[in-house]
């Protein structure tokens, strides 16, 4: 009985400790549209997605294609700070590392010129 009570109390004490990572991530409410540009030095149509695991950002599987038959893929993203570094959050536990290839799209300007931004991935 004493072991059961001790394990329950220990479990209750550890619950708040596991939620401290939430304080490290801050988001902005405005969503932007992103595209991934081609690199200058080499031909690559792929870009790595990262995920948060045990408080660190790690690569999440294989890189994704940045285009399809319809053209360049667009992502809706929010700027997020995790552990003091900026990231683009594109989905639930999916992030782009900011680089020179990640570009924001001025949707208002495109719509004024008669171009519609479509082909959103998320």
C-alpha atoms as a PDB file:
ATOM      1  CA  UNK A   1       0.000   0.000   0.000  1.00  0.00           C
ATOM      2  CA  UNK A   2       2.847   2.376   0.823  1.00  0.00           C
ATOM      3  CA  UNK A   3       4.406   1.748  -2.612  1.00  0.00           C
ATOM      4  CA  UNK A   4       1.106   2.575  -4.320  1.00  0.00           C
ATOM      5  CA  UNK A   5       0.717   5.854  -2.430  1.00  0.00           C
ATOM      6  CA  UNK A   6       4.351   6.785  -3.103  1.00  0.00           C
ATOM      7  CA  UNK A   7       4.006   6.102  -6.834  1.00  0.00           C
ATOM      8  CA  UNK A   8       0.787   8.148  -7.081  1.00  0.00           C
ATOM      9  CA  UNK A   9       2.376  11.091  -5.269  1.00  0.00           C
ATOM     10  CA  UNK A  10       5.463  10.860  -7.465  1.00  0.00           C
ATOM     11  CA  UNK A  11       3.298  10.824 -10.597  1.00  0.00           C
ATOM     12  CA  UNK A  12       1.375  13.905  -9.481  1.00  0.00           C
ATOM     13  CA  UNK A  13       4.613  15.740  -8.766  1.00  0.00           C
ATOM     14  CA  UNK A  14       6.017  14.960 -12.221  1.00  0.00           C
ATOM     15  CA  UNK A  15       3.008  16.194 -14.200  1.00  0.00           C
ATOM     16  CA  UNK A  16       3.839  19.925 -13.847  1.00  0.00           C
ATOM     17  CA  UNK A  17       7.520  19.230 -14.599  1.00  0.00           C
ATOM     18  CA  UNK A  18       6.609  17.793 -17.997  1.00  0.00           C
ATOM     19  CA  UNK A  19       4.726  20.915 -19.070  1.00  0.00           C
ATOM     20  CA  UNK A  20       7.638  23.333 -18.622  1.00  0.00           C
ATOM     21  CA  UNK A  21       8.536  23.045 -22.340  1.00  0.00           C
ATOM     22  CA  UNK A  22       5.360  24.925 -23.207  1.00  0.00           C
ATOM     23  CA  UNK A  23       6.805  28.085 -21.710  1.00  0.00           C
ATOM     24  CA  UNK A  24       9.813  27.891 -24.029  1.00  0.00           C
ATOM     25  CA  UNK A  25       7.742  28.163 -27.213  1.00  0.00           C
ATOM     26  CA  UNK A  26       6.103  31.465 -28.084  1.00  0.00           C
ATOM     27  CA  UNK A  27       4.041  32.099 -31.205  1.00  0.00           C
ATOM     28  CA  UNK A  28       2.759  35.085 -33.069  1.00  0.00           C
ATOM     29  CA  UNK A  29      -0.869  35.084 -34.117  1.00  0.00           C
ATOM     30  CA  UNK A  30      -0.427  36.279 -37.701  1.00  0.00           C
ATOM     31  CA  UNK A  31      -0.074  33.518 -40.273  1.00  0.00           C
ATOM     32  CA  UNK A  32       2.103  34.029 -43.326  1.00  0.00           C
ATOM     33  CA  UNK A  33       2.392  32.153 -46.599  1.00  0.00           C
ATOM     34  CA  UNK A  34       5.767  30.545 -47.333  1.00  0.00           C
ATOM     35  CA  UNK A  35       7.446  28.965 -50.335  1.00  0.00           C
ATOM     36  CA  UNK A  36      10.775  27.157 -50.508  1.00  0.00           C
ATOM     37  CA  UNK A  37      13.041  28.574 -53.193  1.00  0.00           C
ATOM     38  CA  UNK A  38      15.666  26.618 -55.097  1.00  0.00           C
ATOM     39  CA  UNK A  39      19.192  26.762 -53.705  1.00  0.00           C
ATOM     40  CA  UNK A  40      21.724  28.809 -55.628  1.00  0.00           C
ATOM     41  CA  UNK A  41      24.630  26.365 -55.607  1.00  0.00           C
ATOM     42  CA  UNK A  42      22.906  23.083 -56.436  1.00  0.00           C
ATOM     43  CA  UNK A  43      19.700  21.571 -57.774  1.00  0.00           C
ATOM     44  CA  UNK A  44      17.511  20.441 -54.913  1.00  0.00           C
ATOM     45  CA  UNK A  45      13.748  20.386 -54.859  1.00  0.00           C
ATOM     46  CA  UNK A  46      13.597  19.007 -51.339  1.00  0.00           C
ATOM     47  CA  UNK A  47      13.580  20.639 -47.908  1.00  0.00           C
ATOM     48  CA  UNK A  48      13.841  19.116 -44.438  1.00  0.00           C
ATOM     49  CA  UNK A  49      11.005  19.279 -41.909  1.00  0.00           C
ATOM     50  CA  UNK A  50      11.922  19.244 -38.226  1.00  0.00           C
ATOM     51  CA  UNK A  51      10.016  18.134 -35.135  1.00  0.00           C
ATOM     52  CA  UNK A  52      10.460  18.827 -31.443  1.00  0.00           C
ATOM     53  CA  UNK A  53      11.596  15.770 -29.508  1.00  0.00           C
ATOM     54  CA  UNK A  54      12.739  15.859 -25.880  1.00  0.00           C
ATOM     55  CA  UNK A  55      13.201  19.639 -26.015  1.00  0.00           C
ATOM     56  CA  UNK A  56      15.415  19.542 -29.125  1.00  0.00           C
ATOM     57  CA  UNK A  57      14.642  20.025 -32.804  1.00  0.00           C
ATOM     58  CA  UNK A  58      15.426  16.906 -34.858  1.00  0.00           C
ATOM     59  CA  UNK A  59      14.909  16.001 -38.511  1.00  0.00           C
ATOM     60  CA  UNK A  60      11.537  14.341 -39.089  1.00  0.00           C
ATOM     61  CA  UNK A  61      12.111  11.651 -41.672  1.00  0.00           C
ATOM     62  CA  UNK A  62      12.933  12.286 -45.305  1.00  0.00           C
ATOM     63  CA  UNK A  63      12.989  15.780 -46.833  1.00  0.00           C
ATOM     64  CA  UNK A  64       9.803  16.820 -48.632  1.00  0.00           C
ATOM     65  CA  UNK A  65       9.372  17.992 -52.223  1.00  0.00           C
ATOM     66  CA  UNK A  66       8.884  21.725 -52.642  1.00  0.00           C
ATOM     67  CA  UNK A  67       6.814  21.468 -55.827  1.00  0.00           C
ATOM     68  CA  UNK A  68       4.235  19.255 -57.489  1.00  0.00           C
ATOM     69  CA  UNK A  69       2.518  19.124 -60.909  1.00  0.00           C
ATOM     70  CA  UNK A  70       0.626  22.341 -60.131  1.00  0.00           C
ATOM     71  CA  UNK A  71       3.774  24.302 -59.329  1.00  0.00           C
ATOM     72  CA  UNK A  72       5.467  25.550 -56.175  1.00  0.00           C
ATOM     73  CA  UNK A  73       3.890  24.367 -52.934  1.00  0.00           C
ATOM     74  CA  UNK A  74       2.717  26.987 -50.456  1.00  0.00           C
ATOM     75  CA  UNK A  75       2.590  26.577 -46.694  1.00  0.00           C
ATOM     76  CA  UNK A  76       0.678  28.576 -44.111  1.00  0.00           C
ATOM     77  CA  UNK A  77       3.096  29.154 -41.252  1.00  0.00           C
ATOM     78  CA  UNK A  78       3.557  31.019 -38.004  1.00  0.00           C
ATOM     79  CA  UNK A  79       6.824  32.370 -36.711  1.00  0.00           C
ATOM     80  CA  UNK A  80       7.729  30.577 -33.464  1.00  0.00           C
ATOM     81  CA  UNK A  81      10.614  30.912 -31.009  1.00  0.00           C
ATOM     82  CA  UNK A  82      11.787  27.650 -29.470  1.00  0.00           C
ATOM     83  CA  UNK A  83      14.660  27.736 -26.996  1.00  0.00           C
ATOM     84  CA  UNK A  84      15.549  31.246 -28.213  1.00  0.00           C
ATOM     85  CA  UNK A  85      15.728  30.321 -31.934  1.00  0.00           C
ATOM     86  CA  UNK A  86      13.234  31.229 -34.652  1.00  0.00           C
ATOM     87  CA  UNK A  87      11.350  28.510 -36.547  1.00  0.00           C
ATOM     88  CA  UNK A  88       8.389  28.415 -38.946  1.00  0.00           C
ATOM     89  CA  UNK A  89       5.592  26.218 -37.586  1.00  0.00           C
ATOM     90  CA  UNK A  90       3.709  24.613 -40.481  1.00  0.00           C
ATOM     91  CA  UNK A  91       1.690  21.981 -38.625  1.00  0.00           C
ATOM     92  CA  UNK A  92       1.334  20.016 -35.443  1.00  0.00           C
ATOM     93  CA  UNK A  93       4.938  19.430 -34.365  1.00  0.00           C
ATOM     94  CA  UNK A  94       6.225  20.275 -37.873  1.00  0.00           C
ATOM     95  CA  UNK A  95       8.718  23.095 -38.375  1.00  0.00           C
ATOM     96  CA  UNK A  96      10.866  24.649 -41.086  1.00  0.00           C
ATOM     97  CA  UNK A  97      14.303  25.881 -40.179  1.00  0.00           C
ATOM     98  CA  UNK A  98      14.646  29.503 -41.284  1.00  0.00           C
ATOM     99  CA  UNK A  99      17.137  29.851 -44.122  1.00  0.00           C
ATOM    100  CA  UNK A 100      17.677  31.832 -47.292  1.00  0.00           C
ATOM    101  CA  UNK A 101      15.466  29.350 -49.145  1.00  0.00           C
ATOM    102  CA  UNK A 102      12.366  29.996 -46.993  1.00  0.00           C
ATOM    103  CA  UNK A 103      10.597  33.011 -48.492  1.00  0.00           C
ATOM    104  CA  UNK A 104       7.393  34.751 -47.442  1.00  0.00           C
ATOM    105  CA  UNK A 105       4.813  35.497 -50.110  1.00  0.00           C
ATOM    106  CA  UNK A 106       3.006  38.838 -50.273  1.00  0.00           C
ATOM    107  CA  UNK A 107      -0.492  37.454 -50.864  1.00  0.00           C
ATOM    108  CA  UNK A 108      -2.209  40.864 -50.949  1.00  0.00           C
ATOM    109  CA  UNK A 109       0.091  42.113 -53.700  1.00  0.00           C
ATOM    110  CA  UNK A 110      -0.443  38.971 -55.764  1.00  0.00           C
ATOM    111  CA  UNK A 111      -4.229  39.230 -55.455  1.00  0.00           C
ATOM    112  CA  UNK A 112      -4.114  42.892 -56.550  1.00  0.00           C
ATOM    113  CA  UNK A 113      -2.272  41.744 -59.685  1.00  0.00           C
ATOM    114  CA  UNK A 114      -4.920  39.111 -60.379  1.00  0.00           C
ATOM    115  CA  UNK A 115      -2.880  36.106 -59.247  1.00  0.00           C
ATOM    116  CA  UNK A 116      -4.416  33.683 -56.775  1.00  0.00           C
ATOM    117  CA  UNK A 117      -2.266  31.926 -54.234  1.00  0.00           C
ATOM    118  CA  UNK A 118      -3.324  28.296 -54.228  1.00  0.00           C
ATOM    119  CA  UNK A 119      -1.689  24.914 -53.909  1.00  0.00           C
ATOM    120  CA  UNK A 120      -1.474  25.052 -50.098  1.00  0.00           C
ATOM    121  CA  UNK A 121      -0.023  21.914 -48.585  1.00  0.00           C
ATOM    122  CA  UNK A 122      -1.340  22.391 -45.053  1.00  0.00           C
END
